Amino acid sequence: MGGPPLGSAPRLSGQAAWCVETALAMSQADLLHDIKRRRAQKRAKQPFRRALFDRINAIVKCHALGEAFVRTLENFSDDQLREYLTINRMRPKDPLESPLFSLSTEEEYRVTIAILNMANNPYLHFVSSPDEILLCRPLFHRNPFLEPEKLTHCHFATLLLELGGTTEGT
């Protein structure tokens, strides 16, 4: 009956107690260090990317696009594509510098949202003009696997001509 009371930890003497305390303190420090490292990784800076809305809205504002353009986009057919490609052969890609954030009127907002809804595909991220907005859907239907570098540097009309022109059911 001379031992420690039931349910309590045995007492360590001298150096053994010091070793246990040191090990406990080190594991707490490691845990603290690990938590800080994980939090820092979560907070790591991500490169700022402009939103697709801002890109399309910049084109809408720059070219004063309205409801007429939305109707043209909605009704853009294979015949119109063929005609467009015969008139507009190889073209350079227009540079576009979209603002960090868009401030637009209600009309510009409606047009931008309509374009985003109608031409909803990954190539829309690479358009730089109203022409490319029109050609975005046919190009994506023709080849949905074009490299981002080509989409960034080549006008969509040029890419469509390289792919053989028109598509079925655009």
N, C-alpha and C. Protein backbone atom coordinates (compact mmCIF):
# COMPACT_ATOMS: atom_id res chain seq x y z
N MET A 1 0.80 -1.19 0.00
CA MET A 1 0.00 0.00 0.00
C MET A 1 0.85 1.26 0.00
N GLY A 2 2.11 1.10 -0.18
CA GLY A 2 3.00 2.24 -0.12
C GLY A 2 3.14 2.94 -1.45
N GLY A 3 2.53 2.44 -2.53
CA GLY A 3 2.68 3.02 -3.87
C GLY A 3 1.78 4.22 -4.06
N PRO A 4 1.81 4.78 -5.26
CA PRO A 4 0.96 5.93 -5.55
C PRO A 4 -0.50 5.55 -5.52
N PRO A 5 -1.36 6.52 -5.23
CA PRO A 5 -2.78 6.21 -5.21
C PRO A 5 -3.25 5.71 -6.57
N LEU A 6 -4.26 4.89 -6.54
CA LEU A 6 -4.80 4.29 -7.74
C LEU A 6 -5.31 5.38 -8.68
N GLY A 7 -4.96 5.31 -9.99
CA GLY A 7 -5.44 6.28 -10.97
C GLY A 7 -4.50 7.45 -11.17
N SER A 8 -3.44 7.58 -10.39
CA SER A 8 -2.52 8.70 -10.59
C SER A 8 -1.27 8.18 -11.27
N ALA A 9 -0.58 9.08 -11.95
CA ALA A 9 0.64 8.71 -12.67
C ALA A 9 1.76 8.50 -11.68
N PRO A 10 2.66 7.56 -11.97
CA PRO A 10 3.79 7.36 -11.07
C PRO A 10 4.72 8.56 -11.12
N ARG A 11 5.32 8.86 -10.01
CA ARG A 11 6.24 10.00 -9.94
C ARG A 11 7.59 9.57 -10.46
N LEU A 12 8.15 10.43 -11.28
CA LEU A 12 9.48 10.15 -11.80
C LEU A 12 10.48 10.98 -11.01
N SER A 13 11.63 10.46 -10.88
CA SER A 13 12.63 11.19 -10.09
C SER A 13 13.65 11.83 -11.00
N GLY A 14 14.16 12.95 -10.61
CA GLY A 14 15.30 13.63 -11.19
C GLY A 14 15.36 13.68 -12.70
N GLN A 15 16.34 12.94 -13.24
CA GLN A 15 16.65 13.00 -14.66
C GLN A 15 15.52 12.43 -15.51
N ALA A 16 14.84 11.40 -15.08
CA ALA A 16 13.74 10.80 -15.83
C ALA A 16 12.62 11.82 -16.00
N ALA A 17 12.30 12.55 -14.95
CA ALA A 17 11.25 13.57 -15.01
C ALA A 17 11.67 14.69 -15.98
N TRP A 18 12.94 15.06 -15.92
CA TRP A 18 13.44 16.10 -16.82
C TRP A 18 13.33 15.67 -18.28
N CYS A 19 13.66 14.40 -18.59
CA CYS A 19 13.59 13.87 -19.95
C CYS A 19 12.16 13.87 -20.47
N VAL A 20 11.23 13.47 -19.63
CA VAL A 20 9.82 13.44 -20.03
C VAL A 20 9.32 14.85 -20.29
N GLU A 21 9.65 15.79 -19.39
CA GLU A 21 9.22 17.18 -19.57
C GLU A 21 9.82 17.78 -20.84
N THR A 22 11.09 17.48 -21.11
CA THR A 22 11.76 17.99 -22.31
C THR A 22 11.11 17.42 -23.57
N ALA A 23 10.84 16.12 -23.57
CA ALA A 23 10.21 15.48 -24.72
C ALA A 23 8.82 16.06 -24.96
N LEU A 24 8.08 16.29 -23.88
CA LEU A 24 6.74 16.87 -23.99
C LEU A 24 6.82 18.29 -24.55
N ALA A 25 7.74 19.09 -24.06
CA ALA A 25 7.91 20.46 -24.55
C ALA A 25 8.32 20.47 -26.02
N MET A 26 9.19 19.54 -26.43
CA MET A 26 9.62 19.48 -27.82
C MET A 26 8.47 19.08 -28.74
N SER A 27 7.65 18.13 -28.31
CA SER A 27 6.54 17.72 -29.16
C SER A 27 5.51 18.85 -29.28
N GLN A 28 5.32 19.63 -28.20
CA GLN A 28 4.42 20.78 -28.28
C GLN A 28 4.99 21.84 -29.21
N ALA A 29 6.32 22.06 -29.17
CA ALA A 29 6.96 23.03 -30.06
C ALA A 29 6.85 22.57 -31.51
N ASP A 30 7.06 21.26 -31.74
CA ASP A 30 6.92 20.72 -33.10
C ASP A 30 5.50 20.88 -33.60
N LEU A 31 4.55 20.62 -32.73
CA LEU A 31 3.15 20.77 -33.09
C LEU A 31 2.84 22.23 -33.42
N LEU A 32 3.31 23.14 -32.59
CA LEU A 32 3.10 24.57 -32.83
C LEU A 32 3.74 24.98 -34.16
N HIS A 33 4.96 24.52 -34.39
CA HIS A 33 5.66 24.84 -35.64
C HIS A 33 4.89 24.28 -36.85
N ASP A 34 4.39 23.06 -36.72
CA ASP A 34 3.63 22.43 -37.80
C ASP A 34 2.34 23.21 -38.09
N ILE A 35 1.65 23.64 -37.07
CA ILE A 35 0.42 24.42 -37.24
C ILE A 35 0.72 25.74 -37.95
N LYS A 36 1.79 26.42 -37.52
CA LYS A 36 2.17 27.69 -38.15
C LYS A 36 2.54 27.49 -39.61
N ARG A 37 3.25 26.42 -39.92
CA ARG A 37 3.66 26.13 -41.29
C ARG A 37 2.43 25.87 -42.18
N ARG A 38 1.48 25.09 -41.69
CA ARG A 38 0.26 24.82 -42.46
C ARG A 38 -0.55 26.08 -42.72
N ARG A 39 -0.67 26.92 -41.72
CA ARG A 39 -1.41 28.17 -41.89
C ARG A 39 -0.72 29.08 -42.90
N ALA A 40 0.60 29.13 -42.87
CA ALA A 40 1.35 29.96 -43.82
C ALA A 40 1.15 29.45 -45.24
N GLN A 41 1.09 28.13 -45.43
CA GLN A 41 0.86 27.56 -46.75
C GLN A 41 -0.54 27.94 -47.26
N LYS A 42 -1.52 27.94 -46.38
CA LYS A 42 -2.87 28.31 -46.78
C LYS A 42 -2.95 29.77 -47.20
N ARG A 43 -2.13 30.62 -46.54
CA ARG A 43 -2.15 32.05 -46.83
C ARG A 43 -1.22 32.43 -47.97
N ALA A 44 -0.54 31.47 -48.56
CA ALA A 44 0.43 31.78 -49.62
C ALA A 44 -0.26 32.60 -50.71
N LYS A 45 0.46 33.56 -51.23
CA LYS A 45 -0.11 34.46 -52.22
C LYS A 45 -0.42 33.71 -53.52
N GLN A 46 -1.62 33.90 -53.99
CA GLN A 46 -2.04 33.36 -55.27
C GLN A 46 -1.95 34.49 -56.29
N PRO A 47 -1.51 34.21 -57.51
CA PRO A 47 -1.45 35.28 -58.49
C PRO A 47 -2.85 35.81 -58.79
N PHE A 48 -2.94 37.13 -58.94
CA PHE A 48 -4.23 37.74 -59.20
C PHE A 48 -4.63 37.49 -60.64
N ARG A 49 -5.82 36.97 -60.83
CA ARG A 49 -6.35 36.73 -62.18
C ARG A 49 -7.60 37.56 -62.34
N ARG A 50 -7.67 38.23 -63.46
CA ARG A 50 -8.86 39.02 -63.73
C ARG A 50 -10.02 38.07 -64.01
N ALA A 51 -11.18 38.47 -63.57
CA ALA A 51 -12.37 37.64 -63.74
C ALA A 51 -12.82 37.69 -65.20
N LEU A 52 -13.46 36.63 -65.64
CA LEU A 52 -13.98 36.57 -67.00
C LEU A 52 -14.99 37.70 -67.24
N PHE A 53 -15.78 37.99 -66.23
CA PHE A 53 -16.75 39.09 -66.35
C PHE A 53 -16.04 40.38 -66.71
N ASP A 54 -14.94 40.68 -66.05
CA ASP A 54 -14.20 41.92 -66.31
C ASP A 54 -13.66 41.96 -67.73
N ARG A 55 -13.19 40.84 -68.22
CA ARG A 55 -12.66 40.76 -69.60
C ARG A 55 -13.76 41.05 -70.61
N ILE A 56 -14.88 40.35 -70.48
CA ILE A 56 -15.98 40.51 -71.44
C ILE A 56 -16.59 41.91 -71.30
N ASN A 57 -16.71 42.39 -70.08
CA ASN A 57 -17.27 43.73 -69.87
C ASN A 57 -16.38 44.80 -70.49
N ALA A 58 -15.08 44.61 -70.48
CA ALA A 58 -14.17 45.56 -71.11
C ALA A 58 -14.41 45.62 -72.62
N ILE A 59 -14.65 44.46 -73.24
CA ILE A 59 -14.96 44.43 -74.67
C ILE A 59 -16.29 45.09 -74.95
N VAL A 60 -17.29 44.82 -74.11
CA VAL A 60 -18.61 45.43 -74.26
C VAL A 60 -18.50 46.94 -74.20
N LYS A 61 -17.75 47.45 -73.24
CA LYS A 61 -17.61 48.90 -73.07
C LYS A 61 -16.78 49.53 -74.20
N CYS A 62 -15.68 48.89 -74.55
CA CYS A 62 -14.77 49.43 -75.55
C CYS A 62 -15.42 49.52 -76.93
N HIS A 63 -16.24 48.53 -77.26
CA HIS A 63 -16.87 48.47 -78.58
C HIS A 63 -18.35 48.88 -78.55
N ALA A 64 -18.80 49.37 -77.42
CA ALA A 64 -20.19 49.82 -77.24
C ALA A 64 -21.18 48.77 -77.74
N LEU A 65 -20.99 47.54 -77.29
CA LEU A 65 -21.88 46.45 -77.69
C LEU A 65 -23.21 46.58 -76.95
N GLY A 66 -24.28 46.25 -77.66
CA GLY A 66 -25.61 46.34 -77.06
C GLY A 66 -26.43 45.10 -77.38
N GLU A 67 -27.72 45.26 -77.26
CA GLU A 67 -28.66 44.15 -77.49
C GLU A 67 -28.56 43.63 -78.92
N ALA A 68 -28.23 44.48 -79.88
CA ALA A 68 -28.09 44.04 -81.27
C ALA A 68 -26.98 42.99 -81.39
N PHE A 69 -25.87 43.21 -80.68
CA PHE A 69 -24.79 42.22 -80.70
C PHE A 69 -25.23 40.91 -80.07
N VAL A 70 -25.99 41.00 -79.00
CA VAL A 70 -26.48 39.78 -78.34
C VAL A 70 -27.37 38.99 -79.29
N ARG A 71 -28.23 39.69 -80.04
CA ARG A 71 -29.08 39.00 -81.03
C ARG A 71 -28.23 38.36 -82.13
N THR A 72 -27.19 39.07 -82.58
CA THR A 72 -26.29 38.52 -83.60
C THR A 72 -25.62 37.26 -83.07
N LEU A 73 -25.14 37.31 -81.85
CA LEU A 73 -24.50 36.15 -81.24
C LEU A 73 -25.47 34.99 -81.11
N GLU A 74 -26.68 35.29 -80.72
CA GLU A 74 -27.70 34.26 -80.54
C GLU A 74 -28.04 33.57 -81.86
N ASN A 75 -28.04 34.32 -82.95
CA ASN A 75 -28.46 33.79 -84.25
C ASN A 75 -27.29 33.49 -85.17
N PHE A 76 -26.07 33.53 -84.67
CA PHE A 76 -24.89 33.31 -85.51
C PHE A 76 -24.91 31.88 -86.03
N SER A 77 -25.00 31.73 -87.35
CA SER A 77 -25.16 30.41 -87.96
C SER A 77 -23.91 30.01 -88.73
N ASP A 78 -23.95 28.79 -89.24
CA ASP A 78 -22.86 28.27 -90.04
C ASP A 78 -22.69 29.06 -91.33
N ASP A 79 -23.79 29.52 -91.92
CA ASP A 79 -23.72 30.33 -93.14
C ASP A 79 -23.02 31.66 -92.85
N GLN A 80 -23.38 32.29 -91.75
CA GLN A 80 -22.74 33.55 -91.37
C GLN A 80 -21.25 33.33 -91.09
N LEU A 81 -20.92 32.20 -90.49
CA LEU A 81 -19.53 31.87 -90.21
C LEU A 81 -18.75 31.75 -91.52
N ARG A 82 -19.31 31.02 -92.48
CA ARG A 82 -18.66 30.85 -93.78
C ARG A 82 -18.42 32.20 -94.44
N GLU A 83 -19.44 33.06 -94.42
CA GLU A 83 -19.34 34.39 -95.01
C GLU A 83 -18.28 35.22 -94.28
N TYR A 84 -18.29 35.15 -92.97
CA TYR A 84 -17.32 35.91 -92.17
C TYR A 84 -15.90 35.48 -92.51
N LEU A 85 -15.68 34.17 -92.63
CA LEU A 85 -14.33 33.66 -92.88
C LEU A 85 -13.85 33.98 -94.29
N THR A 86 -14.75 34.12 -95.27
CA THR A 86 -14.31 34.50 -96.61
C THR A 86 -13.91 35.98 -96.66
N ILE A 87 -14.58 36.81 -95.86
CA ILE A 87 -14.26 38.24 -95.82
C ILE A 87 -13.03 38.49 -94.96
N ASN A 88 -13.01 37.91 -93.79
CA ASN A 88 -11.94 38.14 -92.81
C ASN A 88 -10.99 36.97 -92.77
N ARG A 89 -10.10 36.93 -93.72
CA ARG A 89 -9.11 35.84 -93.75
C ARG A 89 -8.18 35.95 -92.54
N MET A 90 -6.93 35.75 -92.69
CA MET A 90 -5.97 35.80 -91.59
C MET A 90 -5.95 37.19 -90.94
N ARG A 91 -6.10 37.23 -89.65
CA ARG A 91 -6.13 38.50 -88.93
C ARG A 91 -5.22 38.43 -87.71
N PRO A 92 -4.62 39.56 -87.37
CA PRO A 92 -3.85 39.58 -86.11
C PRO A 92 -4.81 39.67 -84.93
N LYS A 93 -4.37 39.19 -83.81
CA LYS A 93 -5.18 39.25 -82.59
C LYS A 93 -5.04 40.64 -81.98
N ASP A 94 -6.18 41.24 -81.67
CA ASP A 94 -6.18 42.56 -81.05
C ASP A 94 -5.73 42.45 -79.60
N PRO A 95 -4.85 43.35 -79.16
CA PRO A 95 -4.47 43.32 -77.75
C PRO A 95 -5.64 43.82 -76.89
N LEU A 96 -5.81 43.24 -75.73
CA LEU A 96 -6.87 43.67 -74.82
C LEU A 96 -6.29 43.79 -73.43
N GLU A 97 -6.45 44.95 -72.86
CA GLU A 97 -6.02 45.17 -71.48
C GLU A 97 -7.28 45.46 -70.68
N SER A 98 -7.81 44.45 -70.03
CA SER A 98 -9.03 44.66 -69.27
C SER A 98 -8.68 45.27 -67.91
N PRO A 99 -9.60 46.06 -67.37
CA PRO A 99 -9.33 46.69 -66.07
C PRO A 99 -9.36 45.65 -64.95
N LEU A 100 -8.80 46.03 -63.81
CA LEU A 100 -8.82 45.11 -62.67
C LEU A 100 -10.24 44.82 -62.22
N PHE A 101 -11.08 45.86 -62.22
CA PHE A 101 -12.47 45.72 -61.79
C PHE A 101 -13.35 46.51 -62.74
N SER A 102 -14.55 46.02 -62.98
CA SER A 102 -15.44 46.69 -63.92
C SER A 102 -16.52 47.49 -63.20
N LEU A 103 -16.73 48.68 -63.69
CA LEU A 103 -17.88 49.48 -63.31
C LEU A 103 -18.67 49.67 -64.58
N SER A 104 -19.89 49.19 -64.59
CA SER A 104 -20.66 49.26 -65.83
C SER A 104 -22.08 49.71 -65.55
N THR A 105 -22.71 50.20 -66.61
CA THR A 105 -24.11 50.59 -66.50
C THR A 105 -24.96 49.33 -66.47
N GLU A 106 -26.21 49.50 -66.19
CA GLU A 106 -27.13 48.36 -66.15
C GLU A 106 -27.21 47.67 -67.51
N GLU A 107 -27.23 48.47 -68.58
CA GLU A 107 -27.29 47.92 -69.94
C GLU A 107 -26.02 47.11 -70.26
N GLU A 108 -24.85 47.66 -69.93
CA GLU A 108 -23.60 46.95 -70.17
C GLU A 108 -23.54 45.66 -69.36
N TYR A 109 -24.05 45.72 -68.15
CA TYR A 109 -24.09 44.53 -67.30
C TYR A 109 -24.96 43.44 -67.94
N ARG A 110 -26.14 43.84 -68.42
CA ARG A 110 -27.06 42.87 -69.04
C ARG A 110 -26.42 42.23 -70.28
N VAL A 111 -25.77 43.05 -71.10
CA VAL A 111 -25.13 42.54 -72.31
C VAL A 111 -23.99 41.59 -71.94
N THR A 112 -23.20 41.97 -70.97
CA THR A 112 -22.08 41.12 -70.53
C THR A 112 -22.58 39.78 -70.03
N ILE A 113 -23.59 39.79 -69.21
CA ILE A 113 -24.15 38.54 -68.67
C ILE A 113 -24.74 37.69 -69.79
N ALA A 114 -25.42 38.31 -70.74
CA ALA A 114 -25.99 37.57 -71.87
C ALA A 114 -24.89 36.89 -72.68
N ILE A 115 -23.80 37.61 -72.93
CA ILE A 115 -22.67 37.03 -73.67
C ILE A 115 -22.08 35.86 -72.89
N LEU A 116 -21.89 36.04 -71.60
CA LEU A 116 -21.32 34.97 -70.77
C LEU A 116 -22.21 33.72 -70.80
N ASN A 117 -23.50 33.92 -70.78
CA ASN A 117 -24.43 32.78 -70.80
C ASN A 117 -24.48 32.09 -72.16
N MET A 118 -24.42 32.87 -73.24
CA MET A 118 -24.54 32.28 -74.58
C MET A 118 -23.24 31.62 -75.06
N ALA A 119 -22.13 32.25 -74.81
CA ALA A 119 -20.84 31.74 -75.31
C ALA A 119 -20.08 31.07 -74.18
N ASN A 120 -20.76 30.29 -73.41
CA ASN A 120 -20.19 29.69 -72.21
C ASN A 120 -19.31 28.50 -72.56
N ASN A 121 -18.01 28.77 -72.78
CA ASN A 121 -17.04 27.70 -72.99
C ASN A 121 -15.66 28.22 -72.60
N PRO A 122 -14.68 27.34 -72.43
CA PRO A 122 -13.36 27.77 -71.95
C PRO A 122 -12.64 28.77 -72.86
N TYR A 123 -12.95 28.79 -74.15
CA TYR A 123 -12.26 29.70 -75.07
C TYR A 123 -12.66 31.15 -74.85
N LEU A 124 -13.75 31.39 -74.16
CA LEU A 124 -14.20 32.74 -73.89
C LEU A 124 -13.16 33.51 -73.06
N HIS A 125 -12.35 32.81 -72.31
CA HIS A 125 -11.29 33.43 -71.50
C HIS A 125 -10.20 34.06 -72.37
N PHE A 126 -10.16 33.73 -73.66
CA PHE A 126 -9.09 34.19 -74.54
C PHE A 126 -9.55 35.20 -75.59
N VAL A 127 -10.82 35.59 -75.58
CA VAL A 127 -11.30 36.53 -76.58
C VAL A 127 -10.76 37.93 -76.30
N SER A 128 -10.58 38.69 -77.40
CA SER A 128 -10.10 40.06 -77.23
C SER A 128 -10.88 41.05 -78.09
N SER A 129 -11.94 40.58 -78.75
CA SER A 129 -12.73 41.45 -79.60
C SER A 129 -14.13 40.86 -79.78
N PRO A 130 -15.07 41.67 -80.27
CA PRO A 130 -16.41 41.14 -80.55
C PRO A 130 -16.38 40.02 -81.59
N ASP A 131 -15.49 40.13 -82.58
CA ASP A 131 -15.37 39.07 -83.59
C ASP A 131 -15.05 37.73 -82.93
N GLU A 132 -14.13 37.76 -82.00
CA GLU A 132 -13.75 36.51 -81.36
C GLU A 132 -14.85 35.98 -80.46
N ILE A 133 -15.66 36.85 -79.92
CA ILE A 133 -16.82 36.38 -79.14
C ILE A 133 -17.75 35.60 -80.07
N LEU A 134 -17.98 36.14 -81.28
CA LEU A 134 -18.83 35.45 -82.24
C LEU A 134 -18.24 34.10 -82.66
N LEU A 135 -16.93 34.04 -82.81
CA LEU A 135 -16.27 32.83 -83.30
C LEU A 135 -15.93 31.83 -82.20
N CYS A 136 -16.14 32.21 -80.98
CA CYS A 136 -15.78 31.39 -79.83
C CYS A 136 -16.50 30.03 -79.84
N ARG A 137 -17.80 30.04 -80.00
CA ARG A 137 -18.56 28.78 -79.99
C ARG A 137 -18.20 27.87 -81.16
N PRO A 138 -18.19 28.39 -82.42
CA PRO A 138 -17.81 27.50 -83.53
C PRO A 138 -16.41 26.91 -83.37
N LEU A 139 -15.47 27.72 -82.87
CA LEU A 139 -14.11 27.22 -82.68
C LEU A 139 -14.08 26.12 -81.63
N PHE A 140 -14.79 26.31 -80.54
CA PHE A 140 -14.81 25.30 -79.49
C PHE A 140 -15.47 24.01 -79.98
N HIS A 141 -16.55 24.14 -80.77
CA HIS A 141 -17.21 22.94 -81.31
C HIS A 141 -16.30 22.21 -82.29
N ARG A 142 -15.52 22.97 -83.02
CA ARG A 142 -14.62 22.38 -84.02
C ARG A 142 -13.45 21.65 -83.36
N ASN A 143 -12.86 22.28 -82.34
CA ASN A 143 -11.74 21.65 -81.63
C ASN A 143 -11.69 22.16 -80.20
N PRO A 144 -12.20 21.39 -79.25
CA PRO A 144 -12.20 21.84 -77.84
C PRO A 144 -10.86 21.63 -77.13
N PHE A 145 -9.82 21.23 -77.86
CA PHE A 145 -8.55 20.90 -77.21
C PHE A 145 -7.38 21.78 -77.67
N LEU A 146 -7.65 22.99 -78.13
CA LEU A 146 -6.57 23.87 -78.55
C LEU A 146 -5.76 24.33 -77.34
N GLU A 147 -4.46 24.51 -77.56
CA GLU A 147 -3.57 24.93 -76.48
C GLU A 147 -3.82 26.39 -76.12
N PRO A 148 -3.70 26.73 -74.84
CA PRO A 148 -3.89 28.12 -74.42
C PRO A 148 -2.97 29.11 -75.14
N GLU A 149 -1.76 28.69 -75.47
CA GLU A 149 -0.83 29.59 -76.16
C GLU A 149 -1.37 29.99 -77.53
N LYS A 150 -1.93 29.03 -78.26
CA LYS A 150 -2.52 29.34 -79.57
C LYS A 150 -3.70 30.29 -79.41
N LEU A 151 -4.54 30.02 -78.43
CA LEU A 151 -5.72 30.85 -78.20
C LEU A 151 -5.32 32.27 -77.79
N THR A 152 -4.21 32.40 -77.11
CA THR A 152 -3.75 33.71 -76.65
C THR A 152 -3.17 34.53 -77.79
N HIS A 153 -2.46 33.89 -78.71
CA HIS A 153 -1.70 34.62 -79.71
C HIS A 153 -2.32 34.65 -81.10
N CYS A 154 -3.27 33.78 -81.41
CA CYS A 154 -3.86 33.72 -82.75
C CYS A 154 -5.32 34.15 -82.71
N HIS A 155 -5.72 34.92 -83.72
CA HIS A 155 -7.12 35.32 -83.83
C HIS A 155 -7.96 34.07 -84.10
N PHE A 156 -9.15 34.04 -83.57
CA PHE A 156 -10.01 32.86 -83.71
C PHE A 156 -10.35 32.57 -85.16
N ALA A 157 -10.45 33.60 -86.01
CA ALA A 157 -10.73 33.38 -87.44
C ALA A 157 -9.58 32.61 -88.07
N THR A 158 -8.36 32.95 -87.72
CA THR A 158 -7.18 32.26 -88.23
C THR A 158 -7.20 30.79 -87.80
N LEU A 159 -7.54 30.56 -86.55
CA LEU A 159 -7.60 29.18 -86.05
C LEU A 159 -8.70 28.38 -86.74
N LEU A 160 -9.84 29.00 -86.98
CA LEU A 160 -10.92 28.31 -87.68
C LEU A 160 -10.51 27.97 -89.12
N LEU A 161 -9.82 28.89 -89.77
CA LEU A 161 -9.35 28.61 -91.13
C LEU A 161 -8.34 27.47 -91.13
N GLU A 162 -7.49 27.43 -90.14
CA GLU A 162 -6.52 26.32 -90.03
C GLU A 162 -7.23 24.99 -89.83
N LEU A 163 -8.36 25.04 -89.11
CA LEU A 163 -9.10 23.80 -88.83
C LEU A 163 -10.03 23.39 -89.97
N GLY A 164 -10.08 24.19 -91.00
CA GLY A 164 -10.92 23.83 -92.15
C GLY A 164 -12.20 24.61 -92.25
N GLY A 165 -12.33 25.69 -91.51
CA GLY A 165 -13.49 26.58 -91.69
C GLY A 165 -14.65 26.26 -90.80
N THR A 166 -15.77 25.93 -91.41
CA THR A 166 -17.04 25.87 -90.70
C THR A 166 -17.22 24.57 -89.94
N THR A 167 -18.20 24.59 -89.08
CA THR A 167 -18.56 23.42 -88.29
C THR A 167 -20.02 23.11 -88.52
N GLU A 168 -20.39 21.93 -88.19
CA GLU A 168 -21.81 21.54 -88.29
C GLU A 168 -22.49 21.81 -86.96
N GLY A 169 -23.66 22.39 -87.01
CA GLY A 169 -24.49 22.56 -85.83
C GLY A 169 -24.01 23.58 -84.84
N THR A 170 -23.42 24.69 -85.29
CA THR A 170 -23.01 25.72 -84.35
C THR A 170 -24.08 26.75 -84.16
